[in-house]
């Protein structure tokens, strides 16, 4: 351990880079509790510790799969953040916290602005402006580099997702540098024949406007590498969120290698949703990526939600012999090069 900051000496001294972090899963419980109370948000419990259990994932958790994971985040964490004041404070607190806890010096924070405006009750542009204010203040105070990514949703209509892209393009010069497609993989928009052409054009439009792109896929045990392969071939993202099922499909691994598409791995998240059985299986996934020269990075997905941070994620993998300190340094460098921050 280094005496200066208490971080493991095996971690890069220059700091860590976080590419895959959802605002809905990254606000510390006491901050969310404070926001809820200040805004008169009705909670199912008035006890703080019961509230913590409600909005986090721990041992013996009720989370059995990705759907359970997302249900908790949407029902509580994201709803509490659904106002200009709430999202501004959330973004500000997240960036400062990740810098203090893990020395994260470059961070990309993603969220769906349409899931923060209470189904149209609040103005979408006010939500976006508030998030940008929080980001700018945190960057000013901590000297951290940061940007926002807007998440489109598989459960949304194409027209709703098109609006989210419009907002991302509109606020690109303020720091919204990319778009994402997220949500339950059982709703496979990218594999629906009728929707595929529309989404190909939507992602092409994003790239033409100068935005970078990433997509959640291959992140559950019941999906296959074919979904990853389809995304790479048709939607051509710069990065893929998770993508671990590609490890079981040689064609998908080859496509990732040839395209240079970077995977955003999130170890604790995949364990929590049972996307992998255990760390041994996660180690197998990593070994396959190394074998096929597929670039990947290490991320958290949701720090407070999963009771983790980026330093812990890397230490976990080193302690279990999945990565070496040299691997961690390499992943950090890959993250810097693959970052949407110019």
C-alpha atoms as a PDB file:
ATOM      1  CA  UNK A   1       0.000   0.000   0.000  1.00  0.00           C
ATOM      2  CA  UNK A   2       1.272   3.471  -0.747  1.00  0.00           C
ATOM      3  CA  UNK A   3       1.396   5.746   2.303  1.00  0.00           C
ATOM      4  CA  UNK A   4       0.170   8.760   0.378  1.00  0.00           C
ATOM      5  CA  UNK A   5      -3.267   7.595  -0.734  1.00  0.00           C
ATOM      6  CA  UNK A   6      -3.725   4.095   0.652  1.00  0.00           C
ATOM      7  CA  UNK A   7      -4.125   2.591  -2.825  1.00  0.00           C
ATOM      8  CA  UNK A   8      -2.555  -0.728  -3.731  1.00  0.00           C
ATOM      9  CA  UNK A   9       0.955  -0.166  -5.061  1.00  0.00           C
ATOM     10  CA  UNK A  10       0.212  -2.501  -7.976  1.00  0.00           C
ATOM     11  CA  UNK A  11      -2.188   0.055  -9.459  1.00  0.00           C
ATOM     12  CA  UNK A  12      -0.980   2.624 -12.026  1.00  0.00           C
ATOM     13  CA  UNK A  13       0.433   5.675 -10.285  1.00  0.00           C
ATOM     14  CA  UNK A  14      -1.021   7.980 -12.944  1.00  0.00           C
ATOM     15  CA  UNK A  15      -4.569   7.055 -11.961  1.00  0.00           C
ATOM     16  CA  UNK A  16      -7.353   4.872 -13.329  1.00  0.00           C
ATOM     17  CA  UNK A  17      -9.764   5.348 -16.226  1.00  0.00           C
ATOM     18  CA  UNK A  18     -13.460   4.437 -15.888  1.00  0.00           C
ATOM     19  CA  UNK A  19     -15.349   3.922 -19.150  1.00  0.00           C
ATOM     20  CA  UNK A  20     -18.485   2.116 -17.988  1.00  0.00           C
ATOM     21  CA  UNK A  21     -20.297   3.674 -15.049  1.00  0.00           C
ATOM     22  CA  UNK A  22     -24.043   4.295 -14.755  1.00  0.00           C
ATOM     23  CA  UNK A  23     -25.142   7.337 -12.778  1.00  0.00           C
ATOM     24  CA  UNK A  24     -28.069   5.277 -11.504  1.00  0.00           C
ATOM     25  CA  UNK A  25     -25.706   2.904  -9.737  1.00  0.00           C
ATOM     26  CA  UNK A  26     -22.946   5.213  -8.611  1.00  0.00           C
ATOM     27  CA  UNK A  27     -24.400   7.637  -6.053  1.00  0.00           C
ATOM     28  CA  UNK A  28     -23.557   6.765  -2.461  1.00  0.00           C
ATOM     29  CA  UNK A  29     -26.603   5.746  -0.354  1.00  0.00           C
ATOM     30  CA  UNK A  30     -26.319   8.659   2.076  1.00  0.00           C
ATOM     31  CA  UNK A  31     -26.421  11.097  -0.854  1.00  0.00           C
ATOM     32  CA  UNK A  32     -29.479   9.422  -2.381  1.00  0.00           C
ATOM     33  CA  UNK A  33     -31.133   9.358   1.043  1.00  0.00           C
ATOM     34  CA  UNK A  34     -30.464  13.071   1.426  1.00  0.00           C
ATOM     35  CA  UNK A  35     -31.803  13.874  -2.057  1.00  0.00           C
ATOM     36  CA  UNK A  36     -34.951  11.825  -1.425  1.00  0.00           C
ATOM     37  CA  UNK A  37     -35.610  13.547   1.887  1.00  0.00           C
ATOM     38  CA  UNK A  38     -34.960  17.059   0.578  1.00  0.00           C
ATOM     39  CA  UNK A  39     -37.367  16.545  -2.330  1.00  0.00           C
ATOM     40  CA  UNK A  40     -40.098  14.862  -0.318  1.00  0.00           C
ATOM     41  CA  UNK A  41     -39.673  11.587  -2.188  1.00  0.00           C
ATOM     42  CA  UNK A  42     -41.844   8.925  -0.534  1.00  0.00           C
ATOM     43  CA  UNK A  43     -39.691   5.959   0.493  1.00  0.00           C
ATOM     44  CA  UNK A  44     -40.933   2.533   1.650  1.00  0.00           C
ATOM     45  CA  UNK A  45     -38.831   2.917   4.791  1.00  0.00           C
ATOM     46  CA  UNK A  46     -37.692   5.803   6.970  1.00  0.00           C
ATOM     47  CA  UNK A  47     -34.760   3.830   8.363  1.00  0.00           C
ATOM     48  CA  UNK A  48     -31.457   4.680   6.673  1.00  0.00           C
ATOM     49  CA  UNK A  49     -29.958   1.194   6.929  1.00  0.00           C
ATOM     50  CA  UNK A  50     -33.059  -0.425   5.485  1.00  0.00           C
ATOM     51  CA  UNK A  51     -32.819   2.127   2.656  1.00  0.00           C
ATOM     52  CA  UNK A  52     -29.218   1.056   1.999  1.00  0.00           C
ATOM     53  CA  UNK A  53     -30.307  -2.578   1.687  1.00  0.00           C
ATOM     54  CA  UNK A  54     -33.065  -1.491  -0.679  1.00  0.00           C
ATOM     55  CA  UNK A  55     -30.805   0.274  -3.195  1.00  0.00           C
ATOM     56  CA  UNK A  56     -27.641  -1.840  -3.134  1.00  0.00           C
ATOM     57  CA  UNK A  57     -26.598  -5.338  -4.129  1.00  0.00           C
ATOM     58  CA  UNK A  58     -24.758  -7.400  -1.532  1.00  0.00           C
ATOM     59  CA  UNK A  59     -24.203 -10.957  -0.389  1.00  0.00           C
ATOM     60  CA  UNK A  60     -27.430 -12.930  -0.164  1.00  0.00           C
ATOM     61  CA  UNK A  61     -28.992 -10.432  -2.538  1.00  0.00           C
ATOM     62  CA  UNK A  62     -32.445 -10.809  -4.069  1.00  0.00           C
ATOM     63  CA  UNK A  63     -30.756 -10.190  -7.438  1.00  0.00           C
ATOM     64  CA  UNK A  64     -30.656 -13.391  -9.468  1.00  0.00           C
ATOM     65  CA  UNK A  65     -30.191 -12.012 -12.960  1.00  0.00           C
ATOM     66  CA  UNK A  66     -29.853  -8.832 -15.002  1.00  0.00           C
ATOM     67  CA  UNK A  67     -33.601  -8.156 -14.970  1.00  0.00           C
ATOM     68  CA  UNK A  68     -33.640  -8.103 -11.137  1.00  0.00           C
ATOM     69  CA  UNK A  69     -30.579  -5.850 -11.159  1.00  0.00           C
ATOM     70  CA  UNK A  70     -32.159  -3.344 -13.531  1.00  0.00           C
ATOM     71  CA  UNK A  71     -35.520  -3.401 -11.743  1.00  0.00           C
ATOM     72  CA  UNK A  72     -33.979  -2.179  -8.480  1.00  0.00           C
ATOM     73  CA  UNK A  73     -31.962   0.521 -10.221  1.00  0.00           C
ATOM     74  CA  UNK A  74     -34.958   1.808 -12.210  1.00  0.00           C
ATOM     75  CA  UNK A  75     -37.434   1.606  -9.327  1.00  0.00           C
ATOM     76  CA  UNK A  76     -35.391   3.517  -6.765  1.00  0.00           C
ATOM     77  CA  UNK A  77     -31.973   4.870  -7.742  1.00  0.00           C
ATOM     78  CA  UNK A  78     -32.989   6.451 -11.044  1.00  0.00           C
ATOM     79  CA  UNK A  79     -36.349   7.747  -9.794  1.00  0.00           C
ATOM     80  CA  UNK A  80     -34.700   9.526  -6.874  1.00  0.00           C
ATOM     81  CA  UNK A  81     -32.374  11.229  -9.383  1.00  0.00           C
ATOM     82  CA  UNK A  82     -35.319  12.452 -11.480  1.00  0.00           C
ATOM     83  CA  UNK A  83     -35.086  16.220 -11.164  1.00  0.00           C
ATOM     84  CA  UNK A  84     -32.584  18.882 -12.258  1.00  0.00           C
ATOM     85  CA  UNK A  85     -31.374  19.348  -8.669  1.00  0.00           C
ATOM     86  CA  UNK A  86     -31.045  15.595  -8.100  1.00  0.00           C
ATOM     87  CA  UNK A  87     -29.124  14.785 -11.286  1.00  0.00           C
ATOM     88  CA  UNK A  88     -26.802  17.794 -10.857  1.00  0.00           C
ATOM     89  CA  UNK A  89     -25.873  16.772  -7.342  1.00  0.00           C
ATOM     90  CA  UNK A  90     -25.603  13.114  -8.345  1.00  0.00           C
ATOM     91  CA  UNK A  91     -23.158  13.725 -11.179  1.00  0.00           C
ATOM     92  CA  UNK A  92     -21.097  16.105  -9.044  1.00  0.00           C
ATOM     93  CA  UNK A  93     -20.892  13.632  -6.140  1.00  0.00           C
ATOM     94  CA  UNK A  94     -20.058  10.638  -8.356  1.00  0.00           C
ATOM     95  CA  UNK A  95     -17.042  12.224 -10.027  1.00  0.00           C
ATOM     96  CA  UNK A  96     -15.585  13.501  -6.768  1.00  0.00           C
ATOM     97  CA  UNK A  97     -16.181  10.203  -4.984  1.00  0.00           C
ATOM     98  CA  UNK A  98     -14.522   8.072  -7.679  1.00  0.00           C
ATOM     99  CA  UNK A  99     -11.479  10.336  -7.651  1.00  0.00           C
ATOM    100  CA  UNK A 100     -11.176  10.223  -3.861  1.00  0.00           C
ATOM    101  CA  UNK A 101     -11.780   6.486  -3.516  1.00  0.00           C
ATOM    102  CA  UNK A 102      -9.895   5.053  -6.497  1.00  0.00           C
ATOM    103  CA  UNK A 103      -7.904   7.938  -7.972  1.00  0.00           C
ATOM    104  CA  UNK A 104     -10.033   7.809 -11.120  1.00  0.00           C
ATOM    105  CA  UNK A 105      -8.631  10.697 -13.151  1.00  0.00           C
ATOM    106  CA  UNK A 106     -10.690  10.140 -16.299  1.00  0.00           C
ATOM    107  CA  UNK A 107     -14.323   9.101 -16.184  1.00  0.00           C
ATOM    108  CA  UNK A 108     -17.202   8.602 -18.598  1.00  0.00           C
ATOM    109  CA  UNK A 109     -20.575   8.704 -16.878  1.00  0.00           C
ATOM    110  CA  UNK A 110     -23.668   7.398 -18.628  1.00  0.00           C
ATOM    111  CA  UNK A 111     -27.379   7.774 -17.982  1.00  0.00           C
ATOM    112  CA  UNK A 112     -30.700   7.953 -19.797  1.00  0.00           C
ATOM    113  CA  UNK A 113     -32.015  11.544 -19.532  1.00  0.00           C
ATOM    114  CA  UNK A 114     -35.511  10.379 -20.492  1.00  0.00           C
ATOM    115  CA  UNK A 115     -35.575   8.162 -17.401  1.00  0.00           C
ATOM    116  CA  UNK A 116     -34.907  11.274 -15.294  1.00  0.00           C
ATOM    117  CA  UNK A 117     -37.804  13.449 -16.472  1.00  0.00           C
ATOM    118  CA  UNK A 118     -40.671  11.399 -14.940  1.00  0.00           C
ATOM    119  CA  UNK A 119     -42.171  10.412 -18.302  1.00  0.00           C
ATOM    120  CA  UNK A 120     -42.273  13.967 -19.576  1.00  0.00           C
ATOM    121  CA  UNK A 121     -43.330  15.727 -16.379  1.00  0.00           C
ATOM    122  CA  UNK A 122     -39.970  17.489 -16.249  1.00  0.00           C
ATOM    123  CA  UNK A 123     -38.229  19.278 -19.097  1.00  0.00           C
ATOM    124  CA  UNK A 124     -35.584  17.095 -20.744  1.00  0.00           C
ATOM    125  CA  UNK A 125     -33.234  19.977 -21.546  1.00  0.00           C
ATOM    126  CA  UNK A 126     -33.254  21.114 -17.918  1.00  0.00           C
ATOM    127  CA  UNK A 127     -32.209  17.595 -16.868  1.00  0.00           C
ATOM    128  CA  UNK A 128     -29.323  17.641 -19.355  1.00  0.00           C
ATOM    129  CA  UNK A 129     -28.151  21.136 -18.384  1.00  0.00           C
ATOM    130  CA  UNK A 130     -28.199  20.174 -14.707  1.00  0.00           C
ATOM    131  CA  UNK A 131     -26.099  17.038 -15.323  1.00  0.00           C
ATOM    132  CA  UNK A 132     -23.567  19.103 -17.268  1.00  0.00           C
ATOM    133  CA  UNK A 133     -23.356  21.667 -14.468  1.00  0.00           C
ATOM    134  CA  UNK A 134     -22.594  18.908 -11.968  1.00  0.00           C
ATOM    135  CA  UNK A 135     -19.919  17.468 -14.224  1.00  0.00           C
ATOM    136  CA  UNK A 136     -18.269  20.815 -14.921  1.00  0.00           C
ATOM    137  CA  UNK A 137     -18.110  21.751 -11.234  1.00  0.00           C
ATOM    138  CA  UNK A 138     -16.595  18.410 -10.232  1.00  0.00           C
ATOM    139  CA  UNK A 139     -14.004  18.584 -13.006  1.00  0.00           C
ATOM    140  CA  UNK A 140     -13.086  22.109 -11.965  1.00  0.00           C
ATOM    141  CA  UNK A 141     -12.635  21.140  -8.316  1.00  0.00           C
ATOM    142  CA  UNK A 142     -10.801  17.834  -8.750  1.00  0.00           C
ATOM    143  CA  UNK A 143      -8.968  18.336 -12.043  1.00  0.00           C
ATOM    144  CA  UNK A 144     -10.600  15.197 -13.440  1.00  0.00           C
ATOM    145  CA  UNK A 145     -11.390  14.676 -17.127  1.00  0.00           C
ATOM    146  CA  UNK A 146     -15.004  13.633 -17.653  1.00  0.00           C
ATOM    147  CA  UNK A 147     -17.797  13.368 -20.201  1.00  0.00           C
ATOM    148  CA  UNK A 148     -21.376  12.166 -20.353  1.00  0.00           C
ATOM    149  CA  UNK A 149     -22.832   9.377 -22.490  1.00  0.00           C
ATOM    150  CA  UNK A 150     -26.575   9.188 -23.141  1.00  0.00           C
ATOM    151  CA  UNK A 151     -28.153   5.739 -22.903  1.00  0.00           C
ATOM    152  CA  UNK A 152     -30.899   4.783 -25.288  1.00  0.00           C
ATOM    153  CA  UNK A 153     -33.139   1.957 -24.064  1.00  0.00           C
ATOM    154  CA  UNK A 154     -34.100  -1.333 -25.642  1.00  0.00           C
ATOM    155  CA  UNK A 155     -37.539  -1.038 -24.044  1.00  0.00           C
ATOM    156  CA  UNK A 156     -38.097   2.403 -25.631  1.00  0.00           C
ATOM    157  CA  UNK A 157     -39.628   2.995 -29.044  1.00  0.00           C
ATOM    158  CA  UNK A 158     -37.302   3.921 -31.905  1.00  0.00           C
ATOM    159  CA  UNK A 159     -38.774   7.433 -31.852  1.00  0.00           C
ATOM    160  CA  UNK A 160     -37.900   7.903 -28.172  1.00  0.00           C
ATOM    161  CA  UNK A 161     -34.349   6.733 -28.764  1.00  0.00           C
ATOM    162  CA  UNK A 162     -34.084   9.093 -31.714  1.00  0.00           C
ATOM    163  CA  UNK A 163     -34.920  11.998 -29.378  1.00  0.00           C
ATOM    164  CA  UNK A 164     -32.126  10.903 -27.025  1.00  0.00           C
ATOM    165  CA  UNK A 165     -29.678  10.925 -29.946  1.00  0.00           C
ATOM    166  CA  UNK A 166     -30.909  14.397 -30.940  1.00  0.00           C
ATOM    167  CA  UNK A 167     -30.139  15.648 -27.418  1.00  0.00           C
ATOM    168  CA  UNK A 168     -26.683  14.054 -27.466  1.00  0.00           C
ATOM    169  CA  UNK A 169     -25.857  15.788 -30.740  1.00  0.00           C
ATOM    170  CA  UNK A 170     -27.226  19.089 -29.451  1.00  0.00           C
ATOM    171  CA  UNK A 171     -25.046  19.023 -26.313  1.00  0.00           C
ATOM    172  CA  UNK A 172     -21.944  17.494 -27.833  1.00  0.00           C
ATOM    173  CA  UNK A 173     -19.975  20.722 -27.510  1.00  0.00           C
ATOM    174  CA  UNK A 174     -20.785  20.811 -23.791  1.00  0.00           C
ATOM    175  CA  UNK A 175     -19.427  17.340 -23.051  1.00  0.00           C
ATOM    176  CA  UNK A 176     -21.965  14.742 -24.188  1.00  0.00           C
ATOM    177  CA  UNK A 177     -19.545  12.711 -26.269  1.00  0.00           C
ATOM    178  CA  UNK A 178     -21.286   9.420 -26.931  1.00  0.00           C
ATOM    179  CA  UNK A 179     -24.409   7.287 -26.977  1.00  0.00           C
ATOM    180  CA  UNK A 180     -25.159   3.838 -25.629  1.00  0.00           C
ATOM    181  CA  UNK A 181     -27.896   1.250 -26.104  1.00  0.00           C
ATOM    182  CA  UNK A 182     -28.805  -0.532 -22.871  1.00  0.00           C
ATOM    183  CA  UNK A 183     -31.576  -2.501 -21.223  1.00  0.00           C
ATOM    184  CA  UNK A 184     -32.770  -6.121 -20.872  1.00  0.00           C
ATOM    185  CA  UNK A 185     -31.204  -8.277 -23.536  1.00  0.00           C
ATOM    186  CA  UNK A 186     -34.378 -10.297 -23.898  1.00  0.00           C
ATOM    187  CA  UNK A 187     -35.540  -7.225 -25.836  1.00  0.00           C
ATOM    188  CA  UNK A 188     -33.000  -7.574 -28.611  1.00  0.00           C
ATOM    189  CA  UNK A 189     -33.622  -4.497 -30.747  1.00  0.00           C
ATOM    190  CA  UNK A 190     -30.379  -4.950 -32.617  1.00  0.00           C
ATOM    191  CA  UNK A 191     -31.414  -8.447 -33.742  1.00  0.00           C
ATOM    192  CA  UNK A 192     -34.961  -7.610 -34.851  1.00  0.00           C
ATOM    193  CA  UNK A 193     -35.003  -7.664 -38.613  1.00  0.00           C
ATOM    194  CA  UNK A 194     -37.606  -4.889 -38.866  1.00  0.00           C
ATOM    195  CA  UNK A 195     -35.636  -2.550 -36.602  1.00  0.00           C
ATOM    196  CA  UNK A 196     -32.119  -3.355 -37.707  1.00  0.00           C
ATOM    197  CA  UNK A 197     -31.998  -1.036 -40.704  1.00  0.00           C
ATOM    198  CA  UNK A 198     -33.376   1.896 -38.673  1.00  0.00           C
ATOM    199  CA  UNK A 199     -30.794   1.405 -35.928  1.00  0.00           C
ATOM    200  CA  UNK A 200     -27.993   1.026 -38.462  1.00  0.00           C
ATOM    201  CA  UNK A 201     -28.937   4.462 -39.793  1.00  0.00           C
ATOM    202  CA  UNK A 202     -29.281   5.889 -36.281  1.00  0.00           C
ATOM    203  CA  UNK A 203     -25.791   4.769 -35.252  1.00  0.00           C
ATOM    204  CA  UNK A 204     -24.359   5.930 -38.578  1.00  0.00           C
ATOM    205  CA  UNK A 205     -25.947   9.330 -37.959  1.00  0.00           C
ATOM    206  CA  UNK A 206     -24.373   9.477 -34.498  1.00  0.00           C
ATOM    207  CA  UNK A 207     -20.925   8.738 -35.912  1.00  0.00           C
ATOM    208  CA  UNK A 208     -21.378  11.259 -38.728  1.00  0.00           C
ATOM    209  CA  UNK A 209     -22.214  13.907 -36.121  1.00  0.00           C
ATOM    210  CA  UNK A 210     -18.939  13.189 -34.326  1.00  0.00           C
ATOM    211  CA  UNK A 211     -20.357  11.156 -31.441  1.00  0.00           C
ATOM    212  CA  UNK A 212     -18.755   7.927 -30.292  1.00  0.00           C
ATOM    213  CA  UNK A 213     -20.825   4.804 -29.727  1.00  0.00           C
ATOM    214  CA  UNK A 214     -21.039   1.894 -27.323  1.00  0.00           C
ATOM    215  CA  UNK A 215     -23.670  -0.848 -26.876  1.00  0.00           C
ATOM    216  CA  UNK A 216     -24.580  -3.257 -24.082  1.00  0.00           C
ATOM    217  CA  UNK A 217     -24.619  -6.798 -25.417  1.00  0.00           C
ATOM    218  CA  UNK A 218     -23.433 -10.289 -24.510  1.00  0.00           C
ATOM    219  CA  UNK A 219     -23.816  -9.595 -20.787  1.00  0.00           C
ATOM    220  CA  UNK A 220     -26.076 -12.411 -19.606  1.00  0.00           C
ATOM    221  CA  UNK A 221     -25.620 -16.175 -19.348  1.00  0.00           C
ATOM    222  CA  UNK A 222     -28.609 -16.879 -21.626  1.00  0.00           C
ATOM    223  CA  UNK A 223     -27.260 -14.827 -24.531  1.00  0.00           C
ATOM    224  CA  UNK A 224     -24.674 -15.907 -27.061  1.00  0.00           C
ATOM    225  CA  UNK A 225     -21.760 -14.470 -28.962  1.00  0.00           C
ATOM    226  CA  UNK A 226     -24.050 -14.146 -31.975  1.00  0.00           C
ATOM    227  CA  UNK A 227     -25.551 -10.991 -30.473  1.00  0.00           C
ATOM    228  CA  UNK A 228     -22.079  -9.493 -30.126  1.00  0.00           C
ATOM    229  CA  UNK A 229     -21.276 -10.517 -33.700  1.00  0.00           C
ATOM    230  CA  UNK A 230     -24.471  -8.907 -35.027  1.00  0.00           C
ATOM    231  CA  UNK A 231     -23.757  -5.663 -33.181  1.00  0.00           C
ATOM    232  CA  UNK A 232     -20.196  -5.464 -34.531  1.00  0.00           C
ATOM    233  CA  UNK A 233     -21.276  -6.180 -38.104  1.00  0.00           C
ATOM    234  CA  UNK A 234     -24.362  -3.984 -38.311  1.00  0.00           C
ATOM    235  CA  UNK A 235     -24.138  -1.205 -35.713  1.00  0.00           C
ATOM    236  CA  UNK A 236     -20.336  -0.866 -35.715  1.00  0.00           C
ATOM    237  CA  UNK A 237     -19.830   0.594 -32.218  1.00  0.00           C
ATOM    238  CA  UNK A 238     -16.456   1.853 -31.050  1.00  0.00           C
ATOM    239  CA  UNK A 239     -16.885  -0.152 -27.831  1.00  0.00           C
ATOM    240  CA  UNK A 240     -19.154  -2.808 -26.348  1.00  0.00           C
ATOM    241  CA  UNK A 241     -20.425  -2.859 -22.784  1.00  0.00           C
ATOM    242  CA  UNK A 242     -19.622  -6.245 -21.230  1.00  0.00           C
ATOM    243  CA  UNK A 243     -19.619  -8.526 -24.319  1.00  0.00           C
ATOM    244  CA  UNK A 244     -18.424 -11.495 -22.260  1.00  0.00           C
ATOM    245  CA  UNK A 245     -20.403 -14.092 -24.250  1.00  0.00           C
ATOM    246  CA  UNK A 246     -18.107 -13.431 -27.196  1.00  0.00           C
ATOM    247  CA  UNK A 247     -15.570 -15.587 -25.363  1.00  0.00           C
ATOM    248  CA  UNK A 248     -17.661 -18.624 -26.349  1.00  0.00           C
ATOM    249  CA  UNK A 249     -17.864 -17.769 -30.045  1.00  0.00           C
ATOM    250  CA  UNK A 250     -14.736 -17.802 -32.216  1.00  0.00           C
ATOM    251  CA  UNK A 251     -16.412 -15.830 -34.996  1.00  0.00           C
ATOM    252  CA  UNK A 252     -17.373 -13.058 -32.567  1.00  0.00           C
ATOM    253  CA  UNK A 253     -13.839 -12.946 -31.159  1.00  0.00           C
ATOM    254  CA  UNK A 254     -12.407 -12.658 -34.649  1.00  0.00           C
ATOM    255  CA  UNK A 255     -14.825  -9.851 -35.524  1.00  0.00           C
ATOM    256  CA  UNK A 256     -13.861  -7.956 -32.359  1.00  0.00           C
ATOM    257  CA  UNK A 257     -10.185  -8.406 -33.146  1.00  0.00           C
ATOM    258  CA  UNK A 258     -10.495  -7.276 -36.763  1.00  0.00           C
ATOM    259  CA  UNK A 259     -12.670  -4.258 -35.961  1.00  0.00           C
ATOM    260  CA  UNK A 260     -10.633  -3.209 -32.917  1.00  0.00           C
ATOM    261  CA  UNK A 261     -13.850  -2.912 -30.910  1.00  0.00           C
ATOM    262  CA  UNK A 262     -12.983  -2.508 -27.229  1.00  0.00           C
ATOM    263  CA  UNK A 263     -14.869  -4.436 -24.545  1.00  0.00           C
ATOM    264  CA  UNK A 264     -15.845  -2.721 -21.295  1.00  0.00           C
ATOM    265  CA  UNK A 265     -15.606  -5.557 -18.755  1.00  0.00           C
ATOM    266  CA  UNK A 266     -17.332  -5.194 -15.360  1.00  0.00           C
ATOM    267  CA  UNK A 267     -16.329  -8.148 -13.107  1.00  0.00           C
ATOM    268  CA  UNK A 268     -18.422  -7.625  -9.964  1.00  0.00           C
ATOM    269  CA  UNK A 269     -21.477  -6.688 -12.012  1.00  0.00           C
ATOM    270  CA  UNK A 270     -21.253  -9.902 -14.024  1.00  0.00           C
ATOM    271  CA  UNK A 271     -20.920 -11.910 -10.821  1.00  0.00           C
ATOM    272  CA  UNK A 272     -23.914 -10.132  -9.252  1.00  0.00           C
ATOM    273  CA  UNK A 273     -26.194 -10.808 -12.237  1.00  0.00           C
ATOM    274  CA  UNK A 274     -24.926 -14.402 -12.626  1.00  0.00           C
ATOM    275  CA  UNK A 275     -23.657 -13.609 -16.107  1.00  0.00           C
ATOM    276  CA  UNK A 276     -20.682 -15.714 -14.992  1.00  0.00           C
ATOM    277  CA  UNK A 277     -20.832 -18.459 -12.372  1.00  0.00           C
ATOM    278  CA  UNK A 278     -17.744 -17.357 -10.505  1.00  0.00           C
ATOM    279  CA  UNK A 279     -14.334 -15.743 -10.863  1.00  0.00           C
ATOM    280  CA  UNK A 280     -12.968 -18.878 -12.494  1.00  0.00           C
ATOM    281  CA  UNK A 281     -15.385 -18.439 -15.375  1.00  0.00           C
ATOM    282  CA  UNK A 282     -14.599 -14.732 -15.568  1.00  0.00           C
ATOM    283  CA  UNK A 283     -10.914 -15.703 -15.705  1.00  0.00           C
ATOM    284  CA  UNK A 284     -11.704 -17.996 -18.630  1.00  0.00           C
ATOM    285  CA  UNK A 285     -13.400 -15.119 -20.449  1.00  0.00           C
ATOM    286  CA  UNK A 286     -10.345 -12.909 -19.937  1.00  0.00           C
ATOM    287  CA  UNK A 287      -7.981 -15.672 -21.098  1.00  0.00           C
ATOM    288  CA  UNK A 288      -9.959 -16.064 -24.325  1.00  0.00           C
ATOM    289  CA  UNK A 289      -9.846 -12.322 -24.976  1.00  0.00           C
ATOM    290  CA  UNK A 290      -6.095 -12.320 -24.443  1.00  0.00           C
ATOM    291  CA  UNK A 291      -5.648 -15.350 -26.679  1.00  0.00           C
ATOM    292  CA  UNK A 292      -7.522 -13.685 -29.561  1.00  0.00           C
ATOM    293  CA  UNK A 293      -5.990 -10.228 -28.973  1.00  0.00           C
ATOM    294  CA  UNK A 294      -9.329  -8.561 -28.231  1.00  0.00           C
ATOM    295  CA  UNK A 295      -8.794  -5.215 -26.480  1.00  0.00           C
ATOM    296  CA  UNK A 296     -10.613  -4.861 -23.155  1.00  0.00           C
ATOM    297  CA  UNK A 297     -10.837  -2.549 -20.158  1.00  0.00           C
ATOM    298  CA  UNK A 298     -11.858  -3.004 -16.511  1.00  0.00           C
ATOM    299  CA  UNK A 299     -14.804  -1.016 -15.157  1.00  0.00           C
ATOM    300  CA  UNK A 300     -17.375  -1.015 -12.358  1.00  0.00           C
ATOM    301  CA  UNK A 301     -20.844  -0.572 -13.940  1.00  0.00           C
ATOM    302  CA  UNK A 302     -22.248   0.749 -10.644  1.00  0.00           C
ATOM    303  CA  UNK A 303     -19.958   1.503  -7.714  1.00  0.00           C
ATOM    304  CA  UNK A 304     -22.358   2.214  -4.847  1.00  0.00           C
ATOM    305  CA  UNK A 305     -25.000  -0.175  -6.155  1.00  0.00           C
ATOM    306  CA  UNK A 306     -22.469  -3.031  -6.133  1.00  0.00           C
ATOM    307  CA  UNK A 307     -20.462  -1.798  -3.134  1.00  0.00           C
ATOM    308  CA  UNK A 308     -17.258  -1.619  -5.149  1.00  0.00           C
ATOM    309  CA  UNK A 309     -14.923   0.848  -6.858  1.00  0.00           C
ATOM    310  CA  UNK A 310     -12.460   0.712  -9.732  1.00  0.00           C
ATOM    311  CA  UNK A 311      -9.437   0.061  -7.526  1.00  0.00           C
ATOM    312  CA  UNK A 312     -11.252  -2.903  -5.926  1.00  0.00           C
ATOM    313  CA  UNK A 313     -12.173  -4.349  -9.316  1.00  0.00           C
ATOM    314  CA  UNK A 314      -8.564  -4.386 -10.469  1.00  0.00           C
ATOM    315  CA  UNK A 315      -7.276  -5.681  -7.130  1.00  0.00           C
ATOM    316  CA  UNK A 316      -9.877  -8.465  -7.184  1.00  0.00           C
ATOM    317  CA  UNK A 317      -8.620  -9.678 -10.552  1.00  0.00           C
ATOM    318  CA  UNK A 318      -4.956  -9.443  -9.517  1.00  0.00           C
ATOM    319  CA  UNK A 319      -5.550 -11.259  -6.231  1.00  0.00           C
ATOM    320  CA  UNK A 320      -7.190 -14.143  -8.097  1.00  0.00           C
ATOM    321  CA  UNK A 321      -4.429 -14.374 -10.704  1.00  0.00           C
ATOM    322  CA  UNK A 322      -6.685 -13.282 -13.569  1.00  0.00           C
ATOM    323  CA  UNK A 323      -4.646 -10.158 -14.298  1.00  0.00           C
ATOM    324  CA  UNK A 324      -1.076  -9.168 -13.479  1.00  0.00           C
ATOM    325  CA  UNK A 325      -0.059  -5.605 -12.560  1.00  0.00           C
ATOM    326  CA  UNK A 326       1.272  -5.339 -16.118  1.00  0.00           C
ATOM    327  CA  UNK A 327      -2.134  -6.380 -17.451  1.00  0.00           C
ATOM    328  CA  UNK A 328      -3.824  -3.717 -15.319  1.00  0.00           C
ATOM    329  CA  UNK A 329      -1.449  -1.068 -16.648  1.00  0.00           C
ATOM    330  CA  UNK A 330      -2.174  -2.274 -20.186  1.00  0.00           C
ATOM    331  CA  UNK A 331      -5.949  -2.170 -19.630  1.00  0.00           C
ATOM    332  CA  UNK A 332      -5.634   1.353 -18.259  1.00  0.00           C
ATOM    333  CA  UNK A 333      -3.717   2.427 -21.345  1.00  0.00           C
ATOM    334  CA  UNK A 334      -6.306   0.769 -23.600  1.00  0.00           C
ATOM    335  CA  UNK A 335      -8.991   2.695 -21.700  1.00  0.00           C
ATOM    336  CA  UNK A 336      -7.172   5.987 -22.248  1.00  0.00           C
ATOM    337  CA  UNK A 337      -6.865   5.313 -25.969  1.00  0.00           C
ATOM    338  CA  UNK A 338     -10.473   4.086 -26.289  1.00  0.00           C
ATOM    339  CA  UNK A 339     -11.959   6.907 -24.233  1.00  0.00           C
ATOM    340  CA  UNK A 340     -14.415   9.212 -25.957  1.00  0.00           C
ATOM    341  CA  UNK A 341     -12.741  12.156 -24.228  1.00  0.00           C
ATOM    342  CA  UNK A 342     -10.510  13.890 -26.734  1.00  0.00           C
END
